Structure formats: C-alpha cells, structure tokens
C-alpha cells in the first residue's frame, strides 16, 4: 500500500471508438496526488480531450478503471464551448460567472433606488 493518498486513479484504461482500426489509447495507469498540477500534451487526435472527458465522467464507454476519491470533483472545459446564439458575447461569457449573480443584485437594488418615492 502506498504512503500517498491519491485523489484520482486510472488503472489499465483503454478507449476504442466503434469501427476504429486501433484504440485511441490503451492500458493507461495514472494516479494523481492532491494539489498536483498536470498537463496533457499531444498531437491532434491523440486522445487528450477523450482522456479528460473520461476523467470528468462525461465519457463512460471505456475499459479499465477511472475514478476520483470521494469528495473530489473533476471539471471539464471544452475546447469549443456551446454558446447560445441568441445572446451577445458578453451574455454568454457572464452566464456561468458568479459575477452574474452580483450584477443581477446590483441591478435590482439600483432599480429600487431609482423608484420615485415622493408624494
């Protein structure tokens, strides 16, 4: 048993797309330590995005094991985000931001202050 407490585990992970002549990757075994900074580097088509989608739980069609310790959350930011074409660039950017909530509160308070309370 290792003296380290890993936060993410991959054991003999392999991924092959249906009809593909060869696997995207095969028999990958990795373990990540808490607070580790990792990078995934490779040529186009090497499986970087596929690997990250598996880590984030977005792709479950693989063999082997891939799992995070209880309480660990893996996020995934796609290379090509899905944007709402009915919104402006600013609206799309702010949509997922905590600033949006603050901005909405500010606007609500501003509207209340702008009301005419004179008789």
PDB file of N, CA and C in Angstrom:
ATOM      1  N   UNK A   1       0.848  -1.184   0.000  1.00  0.00           N
ATOM      2  CA  UNK A   1       0.000   0.000   0.000  1.00  0.00           C
ATOM      3  C   UNK A   1       0.887   1.239   0.000  1.00  0.00           C
ATOM      4  N   UNK A   2       0.532   2.197  -0.812  1.00  0.00           N
ATOM      5  CA  UNK A   2       1.306   3.427  -0.943  1.00  0.00           C
ATOM      6  C   UNK A   2       1.111   4.334   0.265  1.00  0.00           C
ATOM      7  N   UNK A   3       2.153   5.100   0.584  1.00  0.00           N
ATOM      8  CA  UNK A   3       2.065   6.067   1.682  1.00  0.00           C
ATOM      9  C   UNK A   3       1.316   7.321   1.237  1.00  0.00           C
ATOM     10  N   UNK A   4       1.087   7.470  -0.071  1.00  0.00           N
ATOM     11  CA  UNK A   4       0.410   8.650  -0.605  1.00  0.00           C
ATOM     12  C   UNK A   4      -1.089   8.408  -0.714  1.00  0.00           C
ATOM     13  N   UNK A   5      -1.847   9.472  -0.556  1.00  0.00           N
ATOM     14  CA  UNK A   5      -3.298   9.424  -0.739  1.00  0.00           C
ATOM     15  C   UNK A   5      -3.600  10.054  -2.095  1.00  0.00           C
ATOM     16  N   UNK A   6      -3.849   9.246  -3.082  1.00  0.00           N
ATOM     17  CA  UNK A   6      -4.161   9.750  -4.411  1.00  0.00           C
ATOM     18  C   UNK A   6      -5.603  10.239  -4.461  1.00  0.00           C
ATOM     19  N   UNK A   7      -5.848  11.258  -5.289  1.00  0.00           N
ATOM     20  CA  UNK A   7      -7.202  11.796  -5.416  1.00  0.00           C
ATOM     21  C   UNK A   7      -7.894  11.316  -6.688  1.00  0.00           C
ATOM     22  N   UNK A   8      -7.118  10.813  -7.631  1.00  0.00           N
ATOM     23  CA  UNK A   8      -7.703  10.276  -8.858  1.00  0.00           C
ATOM     24  C   UNK A   8      -6.897   9.064  -9.292  1.00  0.00           C
ATOM     25  N   UNK A   9      -7.614   8.061  -9.794  1.00  0.00           N
ATOM     26  CA  UNK A   9      -6.989   6.794 -10.174  1.00  0.00           C
ATOM     27  C   UNK A   9      -7.420   6.380 -11.576  1.00  0.00           C
ATOM     28  N   UNK A  10      -6.465   5.887 -12.350  1.00  0.00           N
ATOM     29  CA  UNK A  10      -6.741   5.228 -13.622  1.00  0.00           C
ATOM     30  C   UNK A  10      -5.933   3.947 -13.629  1.00  0.00           C
ATOM     31  N   UNK A  11      -6.594   2.859 -13.926  1.00  0.00           N
ATOM     32  CA  UNK A  11      -5.901   1.581 -13.992  1.00  0.00           C
ATOM     33  C   UNK A  11      -6.282   0.849 -15.272  1.00  0.00           C
ATOM     34  N   UNK A  12      -5.281   0.611 -16.104  1.00  0.00           N
ATOM     35  CA  UNK A  12      -5.445  -0.122 -17.363  1.00  0.00           C
ATOM     36  C   UNK A  12      -6.590   0.431 -18.201  1.00  0.00           C
ATOM     37  N   UNK A  13      -6.649   1.750 -18.290  1.00  0.00           N
ATOM     38  CA  UNK A  13      -7.697   2.436 -19.032  1.00  0.00           C
ATOM     39  C   UNK A  13      -7.424   2.345 -20.529  1.00  0.00           C
ATOM     40  N   UNK A  14      -8.426   1.911 -21.283  1.00  0.00           N
ATOM     41  CA  UNK A  14      -8.324   1.840 -22.739  1.00  0.00           C
ATOM     42  C   UNK A  14      -9.598   2.396 -23.354  1.00  0.00           C
ATOM     43  N   UNK A  15      -9.453   3.013 -24.519  1.00  0.00           N
ATOM     44  CA  UNK A  15     -10.603   3.580 -25.219  1.00  0.00           C
ATOM     45  C   UNK A  15     -10.450   3.312 -26.703  1.00  0.00           C
ATOM     46  N   UNK A  16     -11.474   2.692 -27.276  1.00  0.00           N
ATOM     47  CA  UNK A  16     -11.532   2.454 -28.713  1.00  0.00           C
ATOM     48  C   UNK A  16     -12.909   2.879 -29.190  1.00  0.00           C
ATOM     49  N   UNK A  17     -12.963   3.670 -30.239  1.00  0.00           N
ATOM     50  CA  UNK A  17     -14.250   4.060 -30.808  1.00  0.00           C
ATOM     51  C   UNK A  17     -14.761   2.936 -31.699  1.00  0.00           C
ATOM     52  N   UNK A  18     -16.072   2.705 -31.704  1.00  0.00           N
ATOM     53  CA  UNK A  18     -16.643   1.644 -32.549  1.00  0.00           C
ATOM     54  C   UNK A  18     -16.227   1.817 -34.012  1.00  0.00           C
ATOM     55  N   UNK A  19     -15.761   0.748 -34.609  1.00  0.00           N
ATOM     56  CA  UNK A  19     -15.346   0.770 -36.008  1.00  0.00           C
ATOM     57  C   UNK A  19     -13.934   1.273 -36.246  1.00  0.00           C
ATOM     58  N   UNK A  20     -13.253   1.726 -35.192  1.00  0.00           N
ATOM     59  CA  UNK A  20     -11.887   2.239 -35.347  1.00  0.00           C
ATOM     60  C   UNK A  20     -10.905   1.089 -35.517  1.00  0.00           C
ATOM     61  N   UNK A  21      -9.872   1.325 -36.309  1.00  0.00           N
ATOM     62  CA  UNK A  21      -8.863   0.301 -36.566  1.00  0.00           C
ATOM     63  C   UNK A  21      -7.967   0.055 -35.360  1.00  0.00           C
ATOM     64  N   UNK A  22      -7.767   1.100 -34.547  1.00  0.00           N
ATOM     65  CA  UNK A  22      -6.905   0.940 -33.378  1.00  0.00           C
ATOM     66  C   UNK A  22      -7.448   1.785 -32.226  1.00  0.00           C
ATOM     67  N   UNK A  23      -7.030   1.470 -31.009  1.00  0.00           N
ATOM     68  CA  UNK A  23      -7.517   2.239 -29.856  1.00  0.00           C
ATOM     69  C   UNK A  23      -6.960   3.664 -29.840  1.00  0.00           C
ATOM     70  N   UNK A  24      -7.712   4.560 -29.218  1.00  0.00           N
ATOM     71  CA  UNK A  24      -7.233   5.930 -29.020  1.00  0.00           C
ATOM     72  C   UNK A  24      -6.073   5.890 -28.037  1.00  0.00           C
ATOM     73  N   UNK A  25      -6.242   5.133 -26.959  1.00  0.00           N
ATOM     74  CA  UNK A  25      -5.159   4.840 -26.023  1.00  0.00           C
ATOM     75  C   UNK A  25      -5.440   3.493 -25.381  1.00  0.00           C
ATOM     76  N   UNK A  26      -4.379   2.905 -24.819  1.00  0.00           N
ATOM     77  CA  UNK A  26      -4.505   1.542 -24.314  1.00  0.00           C
ATOM     78  C   UNK A  26      -3.672   1.350 -23.049  1.00  0.00           C
ATOM     79  N   UNK A  27      -4.293   0.747 -22.044  1.00  0.00           N
ATOM     80  CA  UNK A  27      -3.634   0.360 -20.787  1.00  0.00           C
ATOM     81  C   UNK A  27      -2.939   1.515 -20.063  1.00  0.00           C
ATOM     82  N   UNK A  28      -3.613   2.654 -19.964  1.00  0.00           N
ATOM     83  CA  UNK A  28      -3.070   3.792 -19.219  1.00  0.00           C
ATOM     84  C   UNK A  28      -3.323   3.577 -17.733  1.00  0.00           C
ATOM     85  N   UNK A  29      -2.293   3.732 -16.937  1.00  0.00           N
ATOM     86  CA  UNK A  29      -2.427   3.688 -15.479  1.00  0.00           C
ATOM     87  C   UNK A  29      -1.773   4.941 -14.908  1.00  0.00           C
ATOM     88  N   UNK A  30      -2.578   5.767 -14.258  1.00  0.00           N
ATOM     89  CA  UNK A  30      -2.112   7.023 -13.667  1.00  0.00           C
ATOM     90  C   UNK A  30      -2.767   7.215 -12.313  1.00  0.00           C
ATOM     91  N   UNK A  31      -2.075   7.914 -11.435  1.00  0.00           N
ATOM     92  CA  UNK A  31      -2.624   8.257 -10.122  1.00  0.00           C
ATOM     93  C   UNK A  31      -2.173   9.681  -9.815  1.00  0.00           C
ATOM     94  N   UNK A  32      -3.111  10.520  -9.371  1.00  0.00           N
ATOM     95  CA  UNK A  32      -2.807  11.927  -9.127  1.00  0.00           C
ATOM     96  C   UNK A  32      -2.831  12.248  -7.641  1.00  0.00           C
ATOM     97  N   UNK A  33      -1.822  12.988  -7.209  1.00  0.00           N
ATOM     98  CA  UNK A  33      -1.733  13.436  -5.818  1.00  0.00           C
ATOM     99  C   UNK A  33      -2.554  14.711  -5.617  1.00  0.00           C
ATOM    100  N   UNK A  34      -2.981  14.979  -4.385  1.00  0.00           N
ATOM    101  CA  UNK A  34      -3.701  16.231  -4.117  1.00  0.00           C
ATOM    102  C   UNK A  34      -2.845  17.436  -4.516  1.00  0.00           C
ATOM    103  N   UNK A  35      -3.495  18.460  -5.044  1.00  0.00           N
ATOM    104  CA  UNK A  35      -2.850  19.721  -5.437  1.00  0.00           C
ATOM    105  C   UNK A  35      -1.854  19.584  -6.584  1.00  0.00           C
ATOM    106  N   UNK A  36      -1.818  18.426  -7.236  1.00  0.00           N
ATOM    107  CA  UNK A  36      -0.912  18.256  -8.371  1.00  0.00           C
ATOM    108  C   UNK A  36      -1.390  19.101  -9.536  1.00  0.00           C
ATOM    109  N   UNK A  37      -0.471  19.671 -10.264  1.00  0.00           N
ATOM    110  CA  UNK A  37      -0.772  20.407 -11.489  1.00  0.00           C
ATOM    111  C   UNK A  37      -0.363  19.502 -12.635  1.00  0.00           C
ATOM    112  N   UNK A  38      -1.311  19.176 -13.498  1.00  0.00           N
ATOM    113  CA  UNK A  38      -0.999  18.267 -14.598  1.00  0.00           C
ATOM    114  C   UNK A  38      -1.307  18.936 -15.927  1.00  0.00           C
ATOM    115  N   UNK A  39      -0.625  18.496 -16.942  1.00  0.00           N
ATOM    116  CA  UNK A  39      -0.888  18.952 -18.299  1.00  0.00           C
ATOM    117  C   UNK A  39      -0.998  17.736 -19.198  1.00  0.00           C
ATOM    118  N   UNK A  40      -1.844  17.837 -20.197  1.00  0.00           N
ATOM    119  CA  UNK A  40      -2.000  16.754 -21.164  1.00  0.00           C
ATOM    120  C   UNK A  40      -1.576  17.321 -22.516  1.00  0.00           C
ATOM    121  N   UNK A  41      -0.514  16.771 -23.060  1.00  0.00           N
ATOM    122  CA  UNK A  41       0.073  17.294 -24.285  1.00  0.00           C
ATOM    123  C   UNK A  41       0.111  16.188 -25.326  1.00  0.00           C
ATOM    124  N   UNK A  42      -0.215  16.533 -26.557  1.00  0.00           N
ATOM    125  CA  UNK A  42      -0.152  15.560 -27.639  1.00  0.00           C
ATOM    126  C   UNK A  42      -0.617  16.170 -28.941  1.00  0.00           C
ATOM    127  N   UNK A  43      -0.368  15.475 -30.021  1.00  0.00           N
ATOM    128  CA  UNK A  43      -0.789  15.946 -31.341  1.00  0.00           C
ATOM    129  C   UNK A  43      -2.302  15.820 -31.471  1.00  0.00           C
ATOM    130  N   UNK A  44      -2.860  16.488 -32.474  1.00  0.00           N
ATOM    131  CA  UNK A  44      -4.291  16.373 -32.735  1.00  0.00           C
ATOM    132  C   UNK A  44      -4.670  14.909 -32.940  1.00  0.00           C
ATOM    133  N   UNK A  45      -5.762  14.510 -32.314  1.00  0.00           N
ATOM    134  CA  UNK A  45      -6.239  13.142 -32.461  1.00  0.00           C
ATOM    135  C   UNK A  45      -5.586  12.141 -31.534  1.00  0.00           C
ATOM    136  N   UNK A  46      -4.724  12.597 -30.646  1.00  0.00           N
ATOM    137  CA  UNK A  46      -4.021  11.684 -29.742  1.00  0.00           C
ATOM    138  C   UNK A  46      -4.905  11.195 -28.597  1.00  0.00           C
ATOM    139  N   UNK A  47      -6.048  11.851 -28.372  1.00  0.00           N
ATOM    140  CA  UNK A  47      -6.954  11.405 -27.313  1.00  0.00           C
ATOM    141  C   UNK A  47      -6.951  12.267 -26.067  1.00  0.00           C
ATOM    142  N   UNK A  48      -6.385  13.460 -26.151  1.00  0.00           N
ATOM    143  CA  UNK A  48      -6.320  14.341 -24.971  1.00  0.00           C
ATOM    144  C   UNK A  48      -7.712  14.681 -24.449  1.00  0.00           C
ATOM    145  N   UNK A  49      -8.579  15.153 -25.323  1.00  0.00           N
ATOM    146  CA  UNK A  49      -9.938  15.517 -24.903  1.00  0.00           C
ATOM    147  C   UNK A  49     -10.710  14.295 -24.430  1.00  0.00           C
ATOM    148  N   UNK A  50     -10.525  13.186 -25.094  1.00  0.00           N
ATOM    149  CA  UNK A  50     -11.198  11.949 -24.694  1.00  0.00           C
ATOM    150  C   UNK A  50     -10.773  11.545 -23.289  1.00  0.00           C
ATOM    151  N   UNK A  51      -9.491  11.619 -23.011  1.00  0.00           N
ATOM    152  CA  UNK A  51      -8.978  11.285 -21.683  1.00  0.00           C
ATOM    153  C   UNK A  51      -9.591  12.197 -20.620  1.00  0.00           C
ATOM    154  N   UNK A  52      -9.640  13.497 -20.899  1.00  0.00           N
ATOM    155  CA  UNK A  52     -10.187  14.450 -19.931  1.00  0.00           C
ATOM    156  C   UNK A  52     -11.688  14.257 -19.738  1.00  0.00           C
ATOM    157  N   UNK A  53     -12.400  13.904 -20.805  1.00  0.00           N
ATOM    158  CA  UNK A  53     -13.840  13.627 -20.680  1.00  0.00           C
ATOM    159  C   UNK A  53     -14.076  12.396 -19.807  1.00  0.00           C
ATOM    160  N   UNK A  54     -13.232  11.406 -19.938  1.00  0.00           N
ATOM    161  CA  UNK A  54     -13.344  10.219 -19.079  1.00  0.00           C
ATOM    162  C   UNK A  54     -13.097  10.619 -17.631  1.00  0.00           C
ATOM    163  N   UNK A  55     -12.063  11.421 -17.404  1.00  0.00           N
ATOM    164  CA  UNK A  55     -11.760  11.858 -16.037  1.00  0.00           C
ATOM    165  C   UNK A  55     -12.914  12.644 -15.423  1.00  0.00           C
ATOM    166  N   UNK A  56     -13.604  13.434 -16.246  1.00  0.00           N
ATOM    167  CA  UNK A  56     -14.711  14.259 -15.752  1.00  0.00           C
ATOM    168  C   UNK A  56     -16.020  13.481 -15.667  1.00  0.00           C
ATOM    169  N   UNK A  57     -15.995  12.213 -16.088  1.00  0.00           N
ATOM    170  CA  UNK A  57     -17.208  11.397 -16.021  1.00  0.00           C
ATOM    171  C   UNK A  57     -18.169  11.628 -17.173  1.00  0.00           C
ATOM    172  N   UNK A  58     -17.729  12.328 -18.207  1.00  0.00           N
ATOM    173  CA  UNK A  58     -18.584  12.621 -19.356  1.00  0.00           C
ATOM    174  C   UNK A  58     -18.570  11.496 -20.386  1.00  0.00           C
ATOM    175  N   UNK A  59     -17.573  10.645 -20.344  1.00  0.00           N
ATOM    176  CA  UNK A  59     -17.459   9.502 -21.251  1.00  0.00           C
ATOM    177  C   UNK A  59     -17.278   8.264 -20.380  1.00  0.00           C
ATOM    178  N   UNK A  60     -18.219   7.355 -20.477  1.00  0.00           N
ATOM    179  CA  UNK A  60     -18.156   6.136 -19.655  1.00  0.00           C
ATOM    180  C   UNK A  60     -17.950   4.881 -20.495  1.00  0.00           C
ATOM    181  N   UNK A  61     -17.742   5.058 -21.791  1.00  0.00           N
ATOM    182  CA  UNK A  61     -17.551   3.922 -22.691  1.00  0.00           C
ATOM    183  C   UNK A  61     -16.061   3.632 -22.843  1.00  0.00           C
ATOM    184  N   UNK A  62     -15.497   2.923 -21.890  1.00  0.00           N
ATOM    185  CA  UNK A  62     -14.080   2.572 -21.911  1.00  0.00           C
ATOM    186  C   UNK A  62     -13.903   1.285 -21.127  1.00  0.00           C
ATOM    187  N   UNK A  63     -12.728   0.706 -21.232  1.00  0.00           N
ATOM    188  CA  UNK A  63     -12.405  -0.449 -20.403  1.00  0.00           C
ATOM    189  C   UNK A  63     -11.348  -0.030 -19.395  1.00  0.00           C
ATOM    190  N   UNK A  64     -11.251  -0.774 -18.318  1.00  0.00           N
ATOM    191  CA  UNK A  64     -10.345  -0.419 -17.237  1.00  0.00           C
ATOM    192  C   UNK A  64     -11.082   0.382 -16.183  1.00  0.00           C
ATOM    193  N   UNK A  65     -10.334   1.030 -15.324  1.00  0.00           N
ATOM    194  CA  UNK A  65     -10.934   1.800 -14.234  1.00  0.00           C
ATOM    195  C   UNK A  65     -10.482   3.252 -14.290  1.00  0.00           C
ATOM    196  N   UNK A  66     -11.413   4.143 -13.955  1.00  0.00           N
ATOM    197  CA  UNK A  66     -11.110   5.571 -13.841  1.00  0.00           C
ATOM    198  C   UNK A  66     -12.065   6.129 -12.806  1.00  0.00           C
ATOM    199  N   UNK A  67     -11.519   6.642 -11.694  1.00  0.00           N
ATOM    200  CA  UNK A  67     -12.393   7.154 -10.633  1.00  0.00           C
ATOM    201  C   UNK A  67     -11.662   8.130  -9.731  1.00  0.00           C
ATOM    202  N   UNK A  68     -12.447   9.051  -9.202  1.00  0.00           N
ATOM    203  CA  UNK A  68     -11.929  10.042  -8.258  1.00  0.00           C
ATOM    204  C   UNK A  68     -12.313   9.621  -6.849  1.00  0.00           C
ATOM    205  N   UNK A  69     -11.487   9.990  -5.896  1.00  0.00           N
ATOM    206  CA  UNK A  69     -11.806   9.730  -4.493  1.00  0.00           C
ATOM    207  C   UNK A  69     -13.085  10.460  -4.107  1.00  0.00           C
ATOM    208  N   UNK A  70     -13.746   9.954  -3.107  1.00  0.00           N
ATOM    209  CA  UNK A  70     -14.969  10.578  -2.605  1.00  0.00           C
ATOM    210  C   UNK A  70     -14.672  12.034  -2.228  1.00  0.00           C
ATOM    211  N   UNK A  71     -15.547  12.934  -2.669  1.00  0.00           N
ATOM    212  CA  UNK A  71     -15.379  14.355  -2.376  1.00  0.00           C
ATOM    213  C   UNK A  71     -14.547  15.112  -3.392  1.00  0.00           C
ATOM    214  N   UNK A  72     -13.932  14.407  -4.339  1.00  0.00           N
ATOM    215  CA  UNK A  72     -13.124  15.052  -5.373  1.00  0.00           C
ATOM    216  C   UNK A  72     -14.002  15.278  -6.601  1.00  0.00           C
ATOM    217  N   UNK A  73     -13.932  16.474  -7.141  1.00  0.00           N
ATOM    218  CA  UNK A  73     -14.723  16.812  -8.322  1.00  0.00           C
ATOM    219  C   UNK A  73     -13.774  17.170  -9.456  1.00  0.00           C
ATOM    220  N   UNK A  74     -14.029  16.621 -10.621  1.00  0.00           N
ATOM    221  CA  UNK A  74     -13.226  16.915 -11.807  1.00  0.00           C
ATOM    222  C   UNK A  74     -14.088  17.739 -12.755  1.00  0.00           C
ATOM    223  N   UNK A  75     -13.587  18.901 -13.146  1.00  0.00           N
ATOM    224  CA  UNK A  75     -14.300  19.749 -14.096  1.00  0.00           C
ATOM    225  C   UNK A  75     -13.694  19.620 -15.477  1.00  0.00           C
ATOM    226  N   UNK A  76     -14.496  19.937 -16.475  1.00  0.00           N
ATOM    227  CA  UNK A  76     -14.025  19.864 -17.858  1.00  0.00           C
ATOM    228  C   UNK A  76     -14.523  21.092 -18.605  1.00  0.00           C
ATOM    229  N   UNK A  77     -13.618  21.826 -19.203  1.00  0.00           N
ATOM    230  CA  UNK A  77     -13.960  22.975 -20.030  1.00  0.00           C
ATOM    231  C   UNK A  77     -13.649  22.603 -21.473  1.00  0.00           C
ATOM    232  N   UNK A  78     -14.679  22.453 -22.306  1.00  0.00           N
ATOM    233  CA  UNK A  78     -14.436  22.011 -23.685  1.00  0.00           C
ATOM    234  C   UNK A  78     -13.672  23.050 -24.502  1.00  0.00           C
ATOM    235  N   UNK A  79     -12.955  22.566 -25.504  1.00  0.00           N
ATOM    236  CA  UNK A  79     -12.217  23.456 -26.401  1.00  0.00           C
ATOM    237  C   UNK A  79     -13.170  24.353 -27.181  1.00  0.00           C
ATOM    238  N   UNK A  80     -14.284  23.797 -27.572  1.00  0.00           N
ATOM    239  CA  UNK A  80     -15.292  24.525 -28.338  1.00  0.00           C
ATOM    240  C   UNK A  80     -16.552  24.620 -27.489  1.00  0.00           C
ATOM    241  N   UNK A  81     -16.707  25.690 -26.728  1.00  0.00           N
ATOM    242  CA  UNK A  81     -17.879  25.798 -25.855  1.00  0.00           C
ATOM    243  C   UNK A  81     -19.171  25.929 -26.660  1.00  0.00           C
ATOM    244  N   UNK A  82     -20.250  25.427 -26.091  1.00  0.00           N
ATOM    245  CA  UNK A  82     -21.566  25.556 -26.703  1.00  0.00           C
ATOM    246  C   UNK A  82     -22.128  26.901 -26.257  1.00  0.00           C
ATOM    247  N   UNK A  83     -22.332  27.783 -27.205  1.00  0.00           N
ATOM    248  CA  UNK A  83     -22.802  29.130 -26.903  1.00  0.00           C
ATOM    249  C   UNK A  83     -24.241  29.304 -27.368  1.00  0.00           C
ATOM    250  N   UNK A  84     -24.965  30.140 -26.674  1.00  0.00           N
ATOM    251  CA  UNK A  84     -26.336  30.478 -27.035  1.00  0.00           C
ATOM    252  C   UNK A  84     -26.278  31.582 -28.088  1.00  0.00           C
ATOM    253  N   UNK A  85     -26.657  31.258 -29.307  1.00  0.00           N
ATOM    254  CA  UNK A  85     -26.547  32.211 -30.413  1.00  0.00           C
ATOM    255  C   UNK A  85     -27.531  33.371 -30.300  1.00  0.00           C
ATOM    256  N   UNK A  86     -28.512  33.253 -29.400  1.00  0.00           N
ATOM    257  CA  UNK A  86     -29.471  34.349 -29.218  1.00  0.00           C
ATOM    258  C   UNK A  86     -28.936  35.399 -28.250  1.00  0.00           C
ATOM    259  N   UNK A  87     -27.796  35.109 -27.622  1.00  0.00           N
ATOM    260  CA  UNK A  87     -27.213  36.035 -26.645  1.00  0.00           C
ATOM    261  C   UNK A  87     -25.983  36.720 -27.224  1.00  0.00           C
ATOM    262  N   UNK A  88     -25.631  37.853 -26.627  1.00  0.00           N
ATOM    263  CA  UNK A  88     -24.415  38.563 -27.025  1.00  0.00           C
ATOM    264  C   UNK A  88     -23.198  37.819 -26.477  1.00  0.00           C
ATOM    265  N   UNK A  89     -22.029  38.213 -26.931  1.00  0.00           N
ATOM    266  CA  UNK A  89     -20.793  37.619 -26.410  1.00  0.00           C
ATOM    267  C   UNK A  89     -20.730  37.820 -24.901  1.00  0.00           C
ATOM    268  N   UNK A  90     -21.006  39.051 -24.448  1.00  0.00           N
ATOM    269  CA  UNK A  90     -20.969  39.356 -23.012  1.00  0.00           C
ATOM    270  C   UNK A  90     -21.939  38.464 -22.236  1.00  0.00           C
ATOM    271  N   UNK A  91     -23.154  38.297 -22.727  1.00  0.00           N
ATOM    272  CA  UNK A  91     -24.154  37.470 -22.040  1.00  0.00           C
ATOM    273  C   UNK A  91     -23.694  36.019 -21.948  1.00  0.00           C
ATOM    274  N   UNK A  92     -23.067  35.504 -22.999  1.00  0.00           N
ATOM    275  CA  UNK A  92     -22.546  34.139 -22.967  1.00  0.00           C
ATOM    276  C   UNK A  92     -21.415  34.000 -21.962  1.00  0.00           C
ATOM    277  N   UNK A  93     -20.530  34.984 -21.925  1.00  0.00           N
ATOM    278  CA  UNK A  93     -19.386  34.925 -21.014  1.00  0.00           C
ATOM    279  C   UNK A  93     -19.838  34.998 -19.566  1.00  0.00           C
ATOM    280  N   UNK A  94     -20.746  35.916 -19.270  1.00  0.00           N
ATOM    281  CA  UNK A  94     -21.156  36.152 -17.885  1.00  0.00           C
ATOM    282  C   UNK A  94     -22.112  35.070 -17.374  1.00  0.00           C
ATOM    283  N   UNK A  95     -22.711  34.305 -18.270  1.00  0.00           N
ATOM    284  CA  UNK A  95     -23.728  33.308 -17.905  1.00  0.00           C
ATOM    285  C   UNK A  95     -23.276  32.373 -16.781  1.00  0.00           C
ATOM    286  N   UNK A  96     -22.077  31.856 -16.873  1.00  0.00           N
ATOM    287  CA  UNK A  96     -21.607  30.906 -15.874  1.00  0.00           C
ATOM    288  C   UNK A  96     -20.819  31.538 -14.748  1.00  0.00           C
ATOM    289  N   UNK A  97     -20.819  32.827 -14.687  1.00  0.00           N
ATOM    290  CA  UNK A  97     -19.981  33.526 -13.725  1.00  0.00           C
ATOM    291  C   UNK A  97     -20.731  33.904 -12.457  1.00  0.00           C
ATOM    292  N   UNK A  98     -20.014  33.886 -11.356  1.00  0.00           N
ATOM    293  CA  UNK A  98     -20.584  34.353 -10.085  1.00  0.00           C
ATOM    294  C   UNK A  98     -20.869  35.845 -10.175  1.00  0.00           C
ATOM    295  N   UNK A  99     -20.181  36.539 -11.069  1.00  0.00           N
ATOM    296  CA  UNK A  99     -20.412  37.969 -11.246  1.00  0.00           C
ATOM    297  C   UNK A  99     -21.829  38.237 -11.742  1.00  0.00           C
ATOM    298  N   UNK A 100     -22.401  37.262 -12.452  1.00  0.00           N
ATOM    299  CA  UNK A 100     -23.755  37.448 -12.958  1.00  0.00           C
ATOM    300  C   UNK A 100     -24.722  37.661 -11.803  1.00  0.00           C
ATOM    301  N   UNK A 101     -24.585  36.853 -10.766  1.00  0.00           N
ATOM    302  CA  UNK A 101     -25.469  36.988  -9.605  1.00  0.00           C
ATOM    303  C   UNK A 101     -25.275  38.345  -8.935  1.00  0.00           C
ATOM    304  N   UNK A 102     -24.032  38.767  -8.799  1.00  0.00           N
ATOM    305  CA  UNK A 102     -23.765  40.078  -8.202  1.00  0.00           C
ATOM    306  C   UNK A 102     -24.334  41.204  -9.060  1.00  0.00           C
ATOM    307  N   UNK A 103     -24.176  41.066 -10.362  1.00  0.00           N
ATOM    308  CA  UNK A 103     -24.689  42.079 -11.275  1.00  0.00           C
ATOM    309  C   UNK A 103     -26.217  42.151 -11.207  1.00  0.00           C
ATOM    310  N   UNK A 104     -26.863  40.994 -11.117  1.00  0.00           N
ATOM    311  CA  UNK A 104     -28.324  40.976 -11.001  1.00  0.00           C
ATOM    312  C   UNK A 104     -28.779  41.630  -9.701  1.00  0.00           C
ATOM    313  N   UNK A 105     -28.076  41.365  -8.599  1.00  0.00           N
ATOM    314  CA  UNK A 105     -28.405  42.003  -7.316  1.00  0.00           C
ATOM    315  C   UNK A 105     -28.215  43.515  -7.407  1.00  0.00           C
ATOM    316  N   UNK A 106     -27.104  43.927  -7.996  1.00  0.00           N
ATOM    317  CA  UNK A 106     -26.820  45.351  -8.155  1.00  0.00           C
ATOM    318  C   UNK A 106     -27.923  46.031  -8.965  1.00  0.00           C
ATOM    319  N   UNK A 107     -28.317  45.402 -10.068  1.00  0.00           N
ATOM    320  CA  UNK A 107     -29.365  45.979 -10.910  1.00  0.00           C
ATOM    321  C   UNK A 107     -30.693  46.057 -10.169  1.00  0.00           C
ATOM    322  N   UNK A 108     -31.017  45.045  -9.374  1.00  0.00           N
ATOM    323  CA  UNK A 108     -32.267  45.053  -8.610  1.00  0.00           C
ATOM    324  C   UNK A 108     -32.264  46.184  -7.585  1.00  0.00           C
ATOM    325  N   UNK A 109     -31.153  46.339  -6.875  1.00  0.00           N
ATOM    326  CA  UNK A 109     -31.044  47.414  -5.879  1.00  0.00           C
ATOM    327  C   UNK A 109     -31.089  48.771  -6.575  1.00  0.00           C
ATOM    328  N   UNK A 110     -30.420  48.884  -7.706  1.00  0.00           N
ATOM    329  CA  UNK A 110     -30.429  50.142  -8.463  1.00  0.00           C
ATOM    330  C   UNK A 110     -31.840  50.511  -8.896  1.00  0.00           C
ATOM    331  N   UNK A 111     -32.609  49.529  -9.319  1.00  0.00           N
ATOM    332  CA  UNK A 111     -33.995  49.790  -9.737  1.00  0.00           C
ATOM    333  C   UNK A 111     -34.836  50.260  -8.550  1.00  0.00           C
ATOM    334  N   UNK A 112     -34.614  49.644  -7.387  1.00  0.00           N
ATOM    335  CA  UNK A 112     -35.352  50.058  -6.189  1.00  0.00           C
ATOM    336  C   UNK A 112     -34.996  51.490  -5.808  1.00  0.00           C
ATOM    337  N   UNK A 113     -33.729  51.822  -5.887  1.00  0.00           N
ATOM    338  CA  UNK A 113     -33.290  53.174  -5.538  1.00  0.00           C
ATOM    339  C   UNK A 113     -33.776  54.208  -6.551  1.00  0.00           C
ATOM    340  N   UNK A 114     -34.012  53.778  -7.765  1.00  0.00           N
ATOM    341  CA  UNK A 114     -34.445  54.699  -8.809  1.00  0.00           C
ATOM    342  C   UNK A 114     -35.941  55.010  -8.738  1.00  0.00           C
ATOM    343  N   UNK A 115     -36.686  54.232  -7.960  1.00  0.00           N
ATOM    344  CA  UNK A 115     -38.129  54.473  -7.849  1.00  0.00           C
ATOM    345  C   UNK A 115     -38.392  55.828  -7.206  1.00  0.00           C
ATOM    346  N   UNK A 116     -39.440  56.463  -7.663  1.00  0.00           N
ATOM    347  CA  UNK A 116     -39.825  57.780  -7.151  1.00  0.00           C
ATOM    348  C   UNK A 116     -40.696  57.597  -5.911  1.00  0.00           C
ATOM    349  N   UNK A 117     -40.169  57.978  -4.766  1.00  0.00           N
ATOM    350  CA  UNK A 117     -40.899  57.829  -3.507  1.00  0.00           C
ATOM    351  C   UNK A 117     -41.503  59.153  -3.036  1.00  0.00           C
ATOM    352  N   UNK A 118     -41.493  60.162  -3.871  1.00  0.00           N
ATOM    353  CA  UNK A 118     -42.066  61.456  -3.467  1.00  0.00           C
ATOM    354  C   UNK A 118     -43.579  61.430  -3.619  1.00  0.00           C
ATOM    355  N   UNK A 119     -44.243  62.232  -2.803  1.00  0.00           N
ATOM    356  CA  UNK A 119     -45.709  62.316  -2.877  1.00  0.00           C
ATOM    357  C   UNK A 119     -46.139  63.384  -3.827  1.00  0.00           C
TER     358      UNK A 119
END
